[in-house]
């Protein structure tokens, strides 16, 4: 993780920002990097308070300039210093796949989210066609420095397992939208419909999820 390039920690996640309406929300961003997403949420009047949790100390030091508070910690080991139902939103952007026990982490977070509050997450899709081509046709499962088979990924998900992950923790999954990163175009809607959505699942590199605390 320490060897990731600067953009890994400093990107602004506009796709996630777009899902949060204006308001004086309290937001927890786990894996906040340098805090640019949280800073932008405040600048766009979508947050009154943004607290970050970041494992990499150098990135956290930069985030302290942008957020209200930053905790340097491993989310799986952290004793949460928050009141129950404190947050309106928890952001988990490209985090769950790095955890030993993502389901346990979601269950732990639940008590700190307001009723009808949200988790917004982005999660890679292991069913992506290039991964399947390498595995099924070429017999390869090769890790890389980034991407779906990032060598720091510990868990792998499909659309169905993503939905089950949140539902099992007591959330309703209100949005699972594909992110066609680096693709020339989205799959044809007609062909996707007659394949019962399979084309979309094979073409999707990552899913964006909105899960409501119920």
N, C-alpha and C. Protein backbone atom coordinates (compact mmCIF):
# COMPACT_ATOMS: atom_id res chain seq x y z
N UNK A 1 0.83 -1.20 0.00
CA UNK A 1 0.00 0.00 0.00
C UNK A 1 0.87 1.26 0.00
N UNK A 2 1.97 1.20 0.69
CA UNK A 2 2.85 2.36 0.77
C UNK A 2 3.47 2.71 -0.58
N UNK A 3 3.50 1.73 -1.49
CA UNK A 3 4.14 1.94 -2.78
C UNK A 3 3.17 2.45 -3.84
N UNK A 4 1.91 2.65 -3.50
CA UNK A 4 0.96 3.16 -4.47
C UNK A 4 1.35 4.56 -4.91
N UNK A 5 1.02 4.91 -6.18
CA UNK A 5 1.37 6.25 -6.64
C UNK A 5 0.44 7.29 -6.02
N UNK A 6 0.80 8.55 -6.16
CA UNK A 6 0.09 9.63 -5.48
C UNK A 6 -1.38 9.71 -5.86
N UNK A 7 -1.70 9.41 -7.12
CA UNK A 7 -3.09 9.53 -7.57
C UNK A 7 -3.99 8.54 -6.85
N UNK A 8 -3.44 7.43 -6.39
CA UNK A 8 -4.22 6.42 -5.66
C UNK A 8 -4.84 7.03 -4.41
N UNK A 9 -4.11 7.95 -3.78
CA UNK A 9 -4.57 8.56 -2.53
C UNK A 9 -5.25 9.91 -2.72
N UNK A 10 -5.03 10.55 -3.87
CA UNK A 10 -5.47 11.94 -4.02
C UNK A 10 -6.64 12.14 -4.98
N UNK A 11 -7.09 11.09 -5.64
CA UNK A 11 -8.21 11.24 -6.59
C UNK A 11 -9.47 11.77 -5.90
N UNK A 12 -10.20 12.60 -6.62
CA UNK A 12 -11.51 13.05 -6.17
C UNK A 12 -12.54 12.11 -6.78
N UNK A 13 -13.38 11.50 -5.95
CA UNK A 13 -14.36 10.54 -6.44
C UNK A 13 -15.66 11.25 -6.77
N UNK A 14 -15.70 11.83 -7.96
CA UNK A 14 -16.88 12.58 -8.40
C UNK A 14 -18.10 11.68 -8.52
N UNK A 15 -17.90 10.41 -8.87
CA UNK A 15 -19.02 9.49 -8.99
C UNK A 15 -19.72 9.29 -7.65
N UNK A 16 -18.96 9.29 -6.58
CA UNK A 16 -19.54 9.16 -5.24
C UNK A 16 -20.11 10.49 -4.76
N UNK A 17 -19.41 11.56 -5.00
CA UNK A 17 -19.90 12.89 -4.62
C UNK A 17 -21.27 13.15 -5.23
N UNK A 18 -21.47 12.72 -6.47
CA UNK A 18 -22.73 12.98 -7.18
C UNK A 18 -23.93 12.29 -6.53
N UNK A 19 -23.68 11.30 -5.71
CA UNK A 19 -24.77 10.55 -5.07
C UNK A 19 -25.24 11.18 -3.75
N UNK A 20 -24.52 12.17 -3.27
CA UNK A 20 -24.85 12.78 -1.99
C UNK A 20 -25.50 14.14 -2.24
N UNK A 21 -26.70 14.36 -1.74
CA UNK A 21 -27.38 15.64 -1.96
C UNK A 21 -26.80 16.73 -1.06
N UNK A 22 -27.13 17.97 -1.38
CA UNK A 22 -26.71 19.08 -0.53
C UNK A 22 -27.31 18.93 0.86
N UNK A 23 -26.58 19.34 1.85
CA UNK A 23 -27.08 19.25 3.22
C UNK A 23 -25.95 19.27 4.22
N UNK A 24 -26.29 19.48 5.47
CA UNK A 24 -25.29 19.55 6.53
C UNK A 24 -25.04 18.15 7.11
N UNK A 25 -24.53 17.30 6.25
CA UNK A 25 -24.35 15.91 6.62
C UNK A 25 -23.05 15.69 7.39
N UNK A 26 -23.10 14.67 8.23
CA UNK A 26 -21.88 14.17 8.86
C UNK A 26 -21.45 12.93 8.08
N UNK A 27 -20.23 12.96 7.61
CA UNK A 27 -19.75 11.91 6.71
C UNK A 27 -18.46 11.30 7.25
N UNK A 28 -18.39 9.99 7.24
CA UNK A 28 -17.17 9.26 7.56
C UNK A 28 -16.64 8.65 6.28
N UNK A 29 -15.40 8.98 5.95
CA UNK A 29 -14.76 8.38 4.78
C UNK A 29 -13.65 7.46 5.23
N UNK A 30 -13.83 6.18 4.99
CA UNK A 30 -12.83 5.18 5.37
C UNK A 30 -11.91 4.96 4.17
N UNK A 31 -10.61 5.11 4.42
CA UNK A 31 -9.67 5.12 3.32
C UNK A 31 -9.73 6.45 2.61
N UNK A 32 -9.62 7.52 3.38
CA UNK A 32 -9.84 8.87 2.84
C UNK A 32 -8.69 9.40 2.00
N UNK A 33 -7.54 8.68 2.00
CA UNK A 33 -6.39 9.17 1.25
C UNK A 33 -5.96 10.54 1.74
N UNK A 34 -5.76 11.46 0.82
CA UNK A 34 -5.34 12.81 1.20
C UNK A 34 -6.52 13.74 1.47
N UNK A 35 -7.74 13.20 1.43
CA UNK A 35 -8.90 13.96 1.84
C UNK A 35 -9.53 14.85 0.78
N UNK A 36 -9.16 14.64 -0.47
CA UNK A 36 -9.69 15.53 -1.52
C UNK A 36 -11.18 15.32 -1.80
N UNK A 37 -11.65 14.10 -1.66
CA UNK A 37 -13.08 13.86 -1.85
C UNK A 37 -13.88 14.53 -0.74
N UNK A 38 -13.45 14.35 0.49
CA UNK A 38 -14.14 14.99 1.61
C UNK A 38 -14.10 16.50 1.55
N UNK A 39 -12.97 17.03 1.15
CA UNK A 39 -12.83 18.48 0.98
C UNK A 39 -13.83 19.00 -0.05
N UNK A 40 -13.96 18.28 -1.16
CA UNK A 40 -14.89 18.68 -2.22
C UNK A 40 -16.34 18.61 -1.73
N UNK A 41 -16.66 17.60 -0.95
CA UNK A 41 -18.02 17.49 -0.39
C UNK A 41 -18.35 18.72 0.45
N UNK A 42 -17.40 19.20 1.22
CA UNK A 42 -17.64 20.39 2.04
C UNK A 42 -17.76 21.64 1.17
N UNK A 43 -16.91 21.73 0.16
CA UNK A 43 -16.94 22.89 -0.74
C UNK A 43 -18.26 22.97 -1.51
N UNK A 44 -18.85 21.82 -1.78
CA UNK A 44 -20.12 21.79 -2.52
C UNK A 44 -21.34 21.79 -1.60
N UNK A 45 -21.10 22.08 -0.32
CA UNK A 45 -22.18 22.17 0.68
C UNK A 45 -22.96 20.87 0.81
N UNK A 46 -22.22 19.76 0.70
CA UNK A 46 -22.83 18.45 0.89
C UNK A 46 -22.45 17.82 2.23
N UNK A 47 -21.65 18.54 3.00
CA UNK A 47 -21.22 18.01 4.30
C UNK A 47 -20.91 19.16 5.24
N UNK A 48 -21.35 19.01 6.49
CA UNK A 48 -20.95 19.95 7.54
C UNK A 48 -19.70 19.46 8.25
N UNK A 49 -19.51 18.14 8.24
CA UNK A 49 -18.35 17.54 8.91
C UNK A 49 -17.94 16.29 8.15
N UNK A 50 -16.65 16.17 7.89
CA UNK A 50 -16.11 14.97 7.27
C UNK A 50 -14.95 14.47 8.13
N UNK A 51 -15.08 13.25 8.60
CA UNK A 51 -14.02 12.59 9.36
C UNK A 51 -13.44 11.49 8.49
N UNK A 52 -12.13 11.41 8.46
CA UNK A 52 -11.46 10.39 7.67
C UNK A 52 -10.75 9.37 8.52
N UNK A 53 -10.71 8.15 8.04
CA UNK A 53 -9.87 7.10 8.61
C UNK A 53 -8.94 6.63 7.51
N UNK A 54 -7.65 6.65 7.78
CA UNK A 54 -6.66 6.32 6.75
C UNK A 54 -5.52 5.52 7.37
N UNK A 55 -5.17 4.42 6.72
CA UNK A 55 -4.13 3.53 7.21
C UNK A 55 -2.73 4.08 6.98
N UNK A 56 -2.52 4.78 5.87
CA UNK A 56 -1.19 5.26 5.48
C UNK A 56 -0.95 6.64 6.10
N UNK A 57 0.03 6.73 6.97
CA UNK A 57 0.25 7.94 7.75
C UNK A 57 0.57 9.16 6.89
N UNK A 58 1.35 8.96 5.82
CA UNK A 58 1.72 10.09 4.96
C UNK A 58 0.49 10.70 4.29
N UNK A 59 -0.41 9.85 3.82
CA UNK A 59 -1.65 10.33 3.20
C UNK A 59 -2.53 11.01 4.25
N UNK A 60 -2.60 10.42 5.45
CA UNK A 60 -3.41 10.99 6.52
C UNK A 60 -2.93 12.38 6.92
N UNK A 61 -1.62 12.58 6.89
CA UNK A 61 -1.06 13.90 7.23
C UNK A 61 -1.55 14.96 6.27
N UNK A 62 -1.66 14.62 4.99
CA UNK A 62 -2.20 15.56 4.01
C UNK A 62 -3.71 15.75 4.22
N UNK A 63 -4.40 14.67 4.55
CA UNK A 63 -5.85 14.75 4.75
C UNK A 63 -6.22 15.66 5.91
N UNK A 64 -5.36 15.75 6.91
CA UNK A 64 -5.63 16.62 8.05
C UNK A 64 -5.79 18.08 7.65
N UNK A 65 -5.22 18.45 6.50
CA UNK A 65 -5.36 19.82 6.00
C UNK A 65 -6.73 20.05 5.36
N UNK A 66 -7.41 18.95 5.02
CA UNK A 66 -8.64 19.04 4.23
C UNK A 66 -9.91 18.66 4.99
N UNK A 67 -9.76 17.84 6.03
CA UNK A 67 -10.93 17.29 6.72
C UNK A 67 -11.00 17.81 8.15
N UNK A 68 -12.13 17.56 8.80
CA UNK A 68 -12.31 18.03 10.17
C UNK A 68 -11.49 17.22 11.16
N UNK A 69 -11.33 15.95 10.88
CA UNK A 69 -10.54 15.08 11.75
C UNK A 69 -10.09 13.88 10.95
N UNK A 70 -8.89 13.40 11.22
CA UNK A 70 -8.38 12.21 10.55
C UNK A 70 -7.80 11.27 11.60
N UNK A 71 -8.18 10.02 11.51
CA UNK A 71 -7.67 8.99 12.41
C UNK A 71 -6.78 8.05 11.60
N UNK A 72 -5.55 7.88 12.05
CA UNK A 72 -4.64 6.95 11.38
C UNK A 72 -4.84 5.58 12.02
N UNK A 73 -5.45 4.67 11.27
CA UNK A 73 -5.79 3.37 11.85
C UNK A 73 -6.20 2.38 10.78
N UNK A 74 -6.14 1.11 11.15
CA UNK A 74 -6.71 0.01 10.39
C UNK A 74 -8.16 -0.11 10.82
N UNK A 75 -9.11 0.06 9.91
CA UNK A 75 -10.52 0.06 10.26
C UNK A 75 -10.93 -1.25 10.92
N UNK A 76 -10.25 -2.35 10.60
CA UNK A 76 -10.63 -3.64 11.20
C UNK A 76 -10.17 -3.77 12.65
N UNK A 77 -9.26 -2.89 13.09
CA UNK A 77 -8.74 -2.95 14.45
C UNK A 77 -9.15 -1.76 15.31
N UNK A 78 -9.71 -0.75 14.68
CA UNK A 78 -10.01 0.50 15.38
C UNK A 78 -11.19 0.33 16.33
N UNK A 79 -11.02 0.83 17.56
CA UNK A 79 -12.13 0.99 18.50
C UNK A 79 -12.82 2.31 18.15
N UNK A 80 -14.01 2.25 17.65
CA UNK A 80 -14.68 3.42 17.11
C UNK A 80 -14.94 4.48 18.20
N UNK A 81 -14.48 5.71 17.99
CA UNK A 81 -14.67 6.76 18.99
C UNK A 81 -15.89 7.65 18.70
N UNK A 82 -16.95 7.06 18.14
CA UNK A 82 -18.10 7.85 17.70
C UNK A 82 -19.35 7.47 18.48
N UNK A 83 -20.26 8.42 18.58
CA UNK A 83 -21.56 8.16 19.19
C UNK A 83 -22.41 7.31 18.24
N UNK A 84 -23.33 6.56 18.79
CA UNK A 84 -24.25 5.77 17.96
C UNK A 84 -25.05 6.70 17.04
N UNK A 85 -25.28 6.24 15.83
CA UNK A 85 -26.07 6.95 14.81
C UNK A 85 -25.53 8.37 14.56
N UNK A 86 -24.23 8.50 14.53
CA UNK A 86 -23.61 9.82 14.37
C UNK A 86 -23.58 10.27 12.90
N UNK A 87 -23.39 9.33 11.99
CA UNK A 87 -23.13 9.69 10.59
C UNK A 87 -24.36 9.52 9.70
N UNK A 88 -24.47 10.45 8.75
CA UNK A 88 -25.48 10.33 7.69
C UNK A 88 -24.98 9.42 6.56
N UNK A 89 -23.69 9.49 6.29
CA UNK A 89 -23.09 8.70 5.21
C UNK A 89 -21.74 8.14 5.67
N UNK A 90 -21.47 6.92 5.25
CA UNK A 90 -20.14 6.33 5.37
C UNK A 90 -19.68 5.96 3.96
N UNK A 91 -18.51 6.42 3.58
CA UNK A 91 -17.96 6.15 2.26
C UNK A 91 -16.87 5.09 2.38
N UNK A 92 -17.00 4.05 1.55
CA UNK A 92 -16.02 2.97 1.47
C UNK A 92 -15.62 2.82 0.00
N UNK A 93 -14.80 3.69 -0.48
CA UNK A 93 -14.41 3.69 -1.89
C UNK A 93 -13.17 2.82 -2.09
N UNK A 94 -13.35 1.68 -2.72
CA UNK A 94 -12.25 0.75 -3.00
C UNK A 94 -11.56 0.31 -1.72
N UNK A 95 -12.36 -0.05 -0.72
CA UNK A 95 -11.83 -0.44 0.58
C UNK A 95 -12.14 -1.89 0.94
N UNK A 96 -13.37 -2.32 0.72
CA UNK A 96 -13.82 -3.61 1.24
C UNK A 96 -13.00 -4.78 0.70
N UNK A 97 -12.52 -4.66 -0.53
CA UNK A 97 -11.73 -5.74 -1.12
C UNK A 97 -10.36 -5.89 -0.47
N UNK A 98 -9.94 -4.89 0.32
CA UNK A 98 -8.65 -4.94 1.00
C UNK A 98 -8.74 -5.54 2.40
N UNK A 99 -9.96 -5.81 2.87
CA UNK A 99 -10.15 -6.21 4.26
C UNK A 99 -10.17 -7.73 4.42
N UNK A 100 -9.74 -8.19 5.59
CA UNK A 100 -9.81 -9.62 5.89
C UNK A 100 -11.26 -10.06 6.07
N UNK A 101 -12.06 -9.20 6.70
CA UNK A 101 -13.44 -9.57 6.99
C UNK A 101 -14.37 -8.38 6.71
N UNK A 102 -14.68 -8.14 5.44
CA UNK A 102 -15.51 -6.98 5.10
C UNK A 102 -16.91 -7.04 5.70
N UNK A 103 -17.50 -8.22 5.80
CA UNK A 103 -18.85 -8.31 6.35
C UNK A 103 -18.87 -7.89 7.81
N UNK A 104 -17.88 -8.28 8.57
CA UNK A 104 -17.79 -7.89 9.97
C UNK A 104 -17.62 -6.38 10.10
N UNK A 105 -16.84 -5.79 9.23
CA UNK A 105 -16.64 -4.34 9.26
C UNK A 105 -17.94 -3.60 9.00
N UNK A 106 -18.71 -4.04 8.02
CA UNK A 106 -20.00 -3.40 7.73
C UNK A 106 -20.95 -3.54 8.92
N UNK A 107 -20.96 -4.71 9.52
CA UNK A 107 -21.80 -4.91 10.70
C UNK A 107 -21.40 -3.98 11.84
N UNK A 108 -20.11 -3.77 12.04
CA UNK A 108 -19.62 -2.87 13.09
C UNK A 108 -19.99 -1.42 12.80
N UNK A 109 -19.96 -1.04 11.54
CA UNK A 109 -20.26 0.34 11.16
C UNK A 109 -21.73 0.69 11.33
N UNK A 110 -22.58 -0.30 11.26
CA UNK A 110 -24.03 -0.08 11.23
C UNK A 110 -24.51 0.79 12.39
N UNK A 111 -24.03 0.55 13.59
CA UNK A 111 -24.53 1.28 14.76
C UNK A 111 -24.17 2.76 14.75
N UNK A 112 -23.18 3.14 13.95
CA UNK A 112 -22.74 4.53 13.88
C UNK A 112 -23.43 5.32 12.77
N UNK A 113 -24.29 4.65 12.01
CA UNK A 113 -25.01 5.28 10.90
C UNK A 113 -26.45 5.52 11.32
N UNK A 114 -26.96 6.69 11.05
CA UNK A 114 -28.35 7.02 11.39
C UNK A 114 -29.30 6.06 10.68
N UNK A 115 -30.45 5.84 11.28
CA UNK A 115 -31.48 5.09 10.58
C UNK A 115 -31.84 5.83 9.30
N UNK A 116 -31.91 5.11 8.22
CA UNK A 116 -32.09 5.66 6.87
C UNK A 116 -30.85 6.42 6.39
N UNK A 117 -29.73 6.28 7.11
CA UNK A 117 -28.45 6.76 6.60
C UNK A 117 -27.87 5.75 5.64
N UNK A 118 -26.72 6.08 5.07
CA UNK A 118 -26.23 5.31 3.93
C UNK A 118 -24.77 4.91 4.05
N UNK A 119 -24.45 3.76 3.50
CA UNK A 119 -23.09 3.43 3.09
C UNK A 119 -23.03 3.57 1.58
N UNK A 120 -22.01 4.27 1.10
CA UNK A 120 -21.73 4.33 -0.34
C UNK A 120 -20.38 3.67 -0.56
N UNK A 121 -20.36 2.66 -1.41
CA UNK A 121 -19.13 1.90 -1.63
C UNK A 121 -18.86 1.71 -3.10
N UNK A 122 -17.60 1.56 -3.44
CA UNK A 122 -17.22 1.11 -4.78
C UNK A 122 -16.39 -0.16 -4.61
N UNK A 123 -16.74 -1.17 -5.42
CA UNK A 123 -16.18 -2.51 -5.25
C UNK A 123 -15.87 -3.11 -6.62
N UNK A 124 -14.66 -3.62 -6.83
CA UNK A 124 -14.34 -4.25 -8.12
C UNK A 124 -15.18 -5.50 -8.38
N UNK A 125 -15.40 -5.78 -9.65
CA UNK A 125 -16.19 -6.92 -10.10
C UNK A 125 -15.27 -8.00 -10.67
N UNK A 126 -15.17 -9.12 -9.96
CA UNK A 126 -14.28 -10.19 -10.40
C UNK A 126 -14.83 -10.91 -11.63
N UNK A 127 -16.09 -10.66 -11.98
CA UNK A 127 -16.70 -11.30 -13.15
C UNK A 127 -16.38 -10.56 -14.44
N UNK A 128 -15.59 -9.53 -14.37
CA UNK A 128 -15.19 -8.75 -15.53
C UNK A 128 -14.55 -9.66 -16.59
N UNK A 129 -14.88 -9.42 -17.85
CA UNK A 129 -14.54 -10.37 -18.90
C UNK A 129 -13.03 -10.60 -19.06
N UNK A 130 -12.24 -9.57 -18.83
CA UNK A 130 -10.78 -9.75 -19.00
C UNK A 130 -10.22 -10.70 -17.94
N UNK A 131 -10.77 -10.64 -16.74
CA UNK A 131 -10.33 -11.55 -15.69
C UNK A 131 -10.71 -12.98 -16.04
N UNK A 132 -11.97 -13.15 -16.51
CA UNK A 132 -12.43 -14.49 -16.89
C UNK A 132 -11.66 -15.03 -18.08
N UNK A 133 -11.34 -14.17 -19.03
CA UNK A 133 -10.56 -14.60 -20.19
C UNK A 133 -9.19 -15.12 -19.78
N UNK A 134 -8.55 -14.38 -18.87
CA UNK A 134 -7.23 -14.80 -18.39
C UNK A 134 -7.32 -16.13 -17.64
N UNK A 135 -8.37 -16.27 -16.84
CA UNK A 135 -8.50 -17.48 -16.02
C UNK A 135 -8.98 -18.69 -16.84
N UNK A 136 -10.08 -18.52 -17.57
CA UNK A 136 -10.72 -19.66 -18.25
C UNK A 136 -9.98 -20.05 -19.53
N UNK A 137 -9.59 -19.06 -20.31
CA UNK A 137 -8.95 -19.35 -21.61
C UNK A 137 -7.45 -19.55 -21.47
N UNK A 138 -6.81 -18.67 -20.71
CA UNK A 138 -5.34 -18.72 -20.63
C UNK A 138 -4.82 -19.42 -19.39
N UNK A 139 -5.71 -19.71 -18.43
CA UNK A 139 -5.28 -20.40 -17.23
C UNK A 139 -4.41 -19.57 -16.32
N UNK A 140 -4.61 -18.25 -16.32
CA UNK A 140 -3.77 -17.35 -15.53
C UNK A 140 -4.59 -16.62 -14.47
N UNK A 141 -3.99 -16.43 -13.33
CA UNK A 141 -4.55 -15.58 -12.26
C UNK A 141 -3.37 -14.76 -11.74
N UNK A 142 -3.12 -13.65 -12.41
CA UNK A 142 -1.90 -12.89 -12.17
C UNK A 142 -2.21 -11.58 -11.47
N UNK A 143 -1.58 -11.37 -10.33
CA UNK A 143 -1.77 -10.12 -9.60
C UNK A 143 -0.94 -9.00 -10.21
N UNK A 144 -1.42 -7.76 -10.01
CA UNK A 144 -0.76 -6.58 -10.56
C UNK A 144 -0.68 -5.51 -9.47
N UNK A 145 -0.09 -4.38 -9.80
CA UNK A 145 0.07 -3.30 -8.83
C UNK A 145 -1.21 -2.49 -8.65
N UNK A 146 -2.17 -2.67 -9.57
CA UNK A 146 -3.46 -1.99 -9.44
C UNK A 146 -4.49 -2.78 -10.23
N UNK A 147 -5.73 -2.28 -10.25
CA UNK A 147 -6.79 -2.95 -11.00
C UNK A 147 -7.52 -3.98 -10.16
N UNK A 148 -8.33 -4.80 -10.83
CA UNK A 148 -9.17 -5.77 -10.13
C UNK A 148 -8.32 -6.80 -9.38
N UNK A 149 -7.23 -7.23 -9.99
CA UNK A 149 -6.31 -8.17 -9.32
C UNK A 149 -5.13 -7.42 -8.71
N UNK A 150 -5.42 -6.30 -8.09
CA UNK A 150 -4.43 -5.57 -7.29
C UNK A 150 -3.83 -6.54 -6.27
N UNK A 151 -2.51 -6.48 -6.12
CA UNK A 151 -1.88 -7.45 -5.23
C UNK A 151 -2.13 -7.19 -3.75
N UNK A 152 -2.88 -6.13 -3.42
CA UNK A 152 -3.29 -5.92 -2.04
C UNK A 152 -4.74 -6.33 -1.79
N UNK A 153 -5.43 -6.84 -2.80
CA UNK A 153 -6.82 -7.27 -2.63
C UNK A 153 -6.86 -8.64 -1.94
N UNK A 154 -7.69 -8.73 -0.92
CA UNK A 154 -7.85 -9.97 -0.16
C UNK A 154 -9.18 -10.66 -0.44
N UNK A 155 -10.17 -9.89 -0.90
CA UNK A 155 -11.51 -10.43 -1.15
C UNK A 155 -11.96 -10.05 -2.56
N UNK A 156 -12.82 -10.89 -3.14
CA UNK A 156 -13.29 -10.67 -4.50
C UNK A 156 -14.81 -10.82 -4.53
N UNK A 157 -15.46 -9.99 -5.37
CA UNK A 157 -16.91 -9.90 -5.35
C UNK A 157 -17.50 -9.92 -6.75
N UNK A 158 -18.73 -10.46 -6.83
CA UNK A 158 -19.59 -10.31 -8.00
C UNK A 158 -20.76 -9.42 -7.59
N UNK A 159 -21.61 -9.07 -8.55
CA UNK A 159 -22.77 -8.25 -8.22
C UNK A 159 -23.65 -8.91 -7.16
N UNK A 160 -23.90 -10.20 -7.31
CA UNK A 160 -24.75 -10.90 -6.35
C UNK A 160 -24.12 -10.95 -4.96
N UNK A 161 -22.83 -11.20 -4.90
CA UNK A 161 -22.20 -11.29 -3.58
C UNK A 161 -22.09 -9.92 -2.92
N UNK A 162 -22.01 -8.86 -3.71
CA UNK A 162 -22.02 -7.50 -3.17
C UNK A 162 -23.36 -7.22 -2.50
N UNK A 163 -24.44 -7.54 -3.20
CA UNK A 163 -25.78 -7.32 -2.65
C UNK A 163 -25.97 -8.12 -1.36
N UNK A 164 -25.54 -9.37 -1.38
CA UNK A 164 -25.67 -10.23 -0.20
C UNK A 164 -24.85 -9.71 0.97
N UNK A 165 -23.68 -9.14 0.67
CA UNK A 165 -22.80 -8.60 1.71
C UNK A 165 -23.52 -7.56 2.55
N UNK A 166 -24.23 -6.65 1.89
CA UNK A 166 -24.90 -5.57 2.61
C UNK A 166 -26.23 -6.03 3.22
N UNK A 167 -26.97 -6.83 2.48
CA UNK A 167 -28.25 -7.31 3.01
C UNK A 167 -28.04 -8.15 4.27
N UNK A 168 -27.00 -8.94 4.29
CA UNK A 168 -26.72 -9.80 5.44
C UNK A 168 -26.37 -8.99 6.68
N UNK A 169 -25.89 -7.76 6.48
CA UNK A 169 -25.53 -6.88 7.59
C UNK A 169 -26.69 -5.97 8.01
N UNK A 170 -27.86 -6.15 7.40
CA UNK A 170 -29.02 -5.37 7.79
C UNK A 170 -29.23 -4.08 7.05
N UNK A 171 -28.74 -4.02 5.82
CA UNK A 171 -28.94 -2.85 4.97
C UNK A 171 -29.84 -3.24 3.79
N UNK A 172 -30.56 -2.25 3.26
CA UNK A 172 -31.26 -2.46 2.00
C UNK A 172 -30.41 -1.86 0.89
N UNK A 173 -30.23 -2.61 -0.17
CA UNK A 173 -29.40 -2.15 -1.28
C UNK A 173 -30.30 -1.45 -2.28
N UNK A 174 -30.21 -0.12 -2.33
CA UNK A 174 -31.10 0.68 -3.17
C UNK A 174 -30.49 1.02 -4.53
N UNK A 175 -29.18 0.86 -4.66
CA UNK A 175 -28.52 1.18 -5.92
C UNK A 175 -27.29 0.30 -6.08
N UNK A 176 -27.20 -0.36 -7.22
CA UNK A 176 -25.96 -1.04 -7.63
C UNK A 176 -25.75 -0.66 -9.09
N UNK A 177 -24.86 0.26 -9.31
CA UNK A 177 -24.69 0.78 -10.67
C UNK A 177 -23.30 0.44 -11.20
N UNK A 178 -23.21 0.01 -12.46
CA UNK A 178 -21.91 -0.37 -13.01
C UNK A 178 -21.05 0.84 -13.34
N UNK A 179 -19.78 0.67 -13.16
CA UNK A 179 -18.80 1.69 -13.55
C UNK A 179 -17.95 1.08 -14.66
N UNK A 180 -18.12 1.59 -15.87
CA UNK A 180 -17.43 1.04 -17.04
C UNK A 180 -16.11 1.75 -17.26
N UNK A 181 -15.25 1.68 -16.29
CA UNK A 181 -13.98 2.40 -16.33
C UNK A 181 -13.10 1.90 -17.47
N UNK A 182 -12.55 2.84 -18.23
CA UNK A 182 -11.59 2.56 -19.30
C UNK A 182 -12.17 1.76 -20.46
N UNK A 183 -13.51 1.71 -20.54
CA UNK A 183 -14.13 0.99 -21.64
C UNK A 183 -14.58 1.96 -22.74
N UNK A 184 -14.50 1.59 -24.00
CA UNK A 184 -14.89 2.50 -25.08
C UNK A 184 -16.35 2.86 -25.07
N UNK A 185 -17.23 1.95 -24.64
CA UNK A 185 -18.65 2.25 -24.59
C UNK A 185 -19.35 1.23 -23.69
N UNK A 186 -20.53 1.60 -23.23
CA UNK A 186 -21.32 0.68 -22.42
C UNK A 186 -21.90 -0.42 -23.30
N UNK A 187 -22.26 -1.57 -22.71
CA UNK A 187 -22.87 -2.63 -23.52
C UNK A 187 -24.23 -2.20 -24.04
N UNK A 188 -24.59 -2.72 -25.21
CA UNK A 188 -25.87 -2.39 -25.83
C UNK A 188 -27.03 -2.81 -24.92
N UNK A 189 -27.97 -1.89 -24.67
CA UNK A 189 -29.07 -2.17 -23.73
C UNK A 189 -29.93 -3.35 -24.18
N UNK A 190 -30.19 -3.43 -25.48
CA UNK A 190 -31.02 -4.52 -25.99
C UNK A 190 -30.34 -5.87 -25.78
N UNK A 191 -29.07 -5.95 -26.16
CA UNK A 191 -28.34 -7.21 -26.00
C UNK A 191 -28.22 -7.56 -24.53
N UNK A 192 -27.99 -6.53 -23.71
CA UNK A 192 -27.88 -6.76 -22.27
C UNK A 192 -29.19 -7.33 -21.71
N UNK A 193 -30.33 -6.82 -22.20
CA UNK A 193 -31.62 -7.27 -21.68
C UNK A 193 -31.91 -8.71 -22.08
N UNK A 194 -31.57 -9.10 -23.32
CA UNK A 194 -31.87 -10.46 -23.74
C UNK A 194 -30.89 -11.48 -23.14
N UNK A 195 -29.79 -11.01 -22.59
CA UNK A 195 -28.88 -11.91 -21.87
C UNK A 195 -29.14 -11.85 -20.37
N UNK A 196 -30.29 -11.23 -19.97
CA UNK A 196 -30.71 -11.14 -18.56
C UNK A 196 -29.66 -10.43 -17.70
N UNK A 197 -29.03 -9.44 -18.30
CA UNK A 197 -28.07 -8.62 -17.56
C UNK A 197 -26.67 -9.17 -17.51
N UNK A 198 -26.43 -10.33 -18.12
CA UNK A 198 -25.09 -10.93 -18.04
C UNK A 198 -24.04 -10.10 -18.76
N UNK A 199 -24.43 -9.49 -19.88
CA UNK A 199 -23.45 -8.70 -20.62
C UNK A 199 -22.92 -7.57 -19.76
N UNK A 200 -23.83 -6.90 -19.05
CA UNK A 200 -23.41 -5.81 -18.17
C UNK A 200 -22.44 -6.31 -17.11
N UNK A 201 -22.74 -7.47 -16.52
CA UNK A 201 -21.89 -7.99 -15.46
C UNK A 201 -20.50 -8.36 -15.97
N UNK A 202 -20.42 -8.86 -17.20
CA UNK A 202 -19.12 -9.20 -17.76
C UNK A 202 -18.33 -7.96 -18.21
N UNK A 203 -19.05 -6.85 -18.44
CA UNK A 203 -18.43 -5.65 -18.97
C UNK A 203 -18.05 -4.65 -17.87
N UNK A 204 -18.51 -4.89 -16.66
CA UNK A 204 -18.35 -3.95 -15.55
C UNK A 204 -17.06 -4.21 -14.78
N UNK A 205 -16.24 -3.18 -14.64
CA UNK A 205 -15.02 -3.31 -13.85
C UNK A 205 -15.29 -3.10 -12.36
N UNK A 206 -16.31 -2.30 -12.05
CA UNK A 206 -16.54 -1.92 -10.67
C UNK A 206 -18.01 -1.56 -10.48
N UNK A 207 -18.54 -1.84 -9.30
CA UNK A 207 -19.90 -1.43 -8.96
C UNK A 207 -19.88 -0.33 -7.90
N UNK A 208 -20.79 0.63 -8.06
CA UNK A 208 -21.05 1.63 -7.05
C UNK A 208 -22.32 1.23 -6.33
N UNK A 209 -22.28 1.18 -5.01
CA UNK A 209 -23.38 0.67 -4.21
C UNK A 209 -23.85 1.75 -3.23
N UNK A 210 -25.19 1.89 -3.12
CA UNK A 210 -25.78 2.68 -2.05
C UNK A 210 -26.64 1.74 -1.21
N UNK A 211 -26.27 1.59 0.06
CA UNK A 211 -26.98 0.69 0.95
C UNK A 211 -27.51 1.48 2.15
N UNK A 212 -28.81 1.35 2.38
CA UNK A 212 -29.47 2.14 3.45
C UNK A 212 -29.56 1.34 4.74
N UNK A 213 -29.28 2.03 5.84
CA UNK A 213 -29.41 1.42 7.16
C UNK A 213 -30.89 1.32 7.53
N UNK A 214 -31.37 0.12 7.76
CA UNK A 214 -32.81 -0.07 8.04
C UNK A 214 -33.01 -0.70 9.42
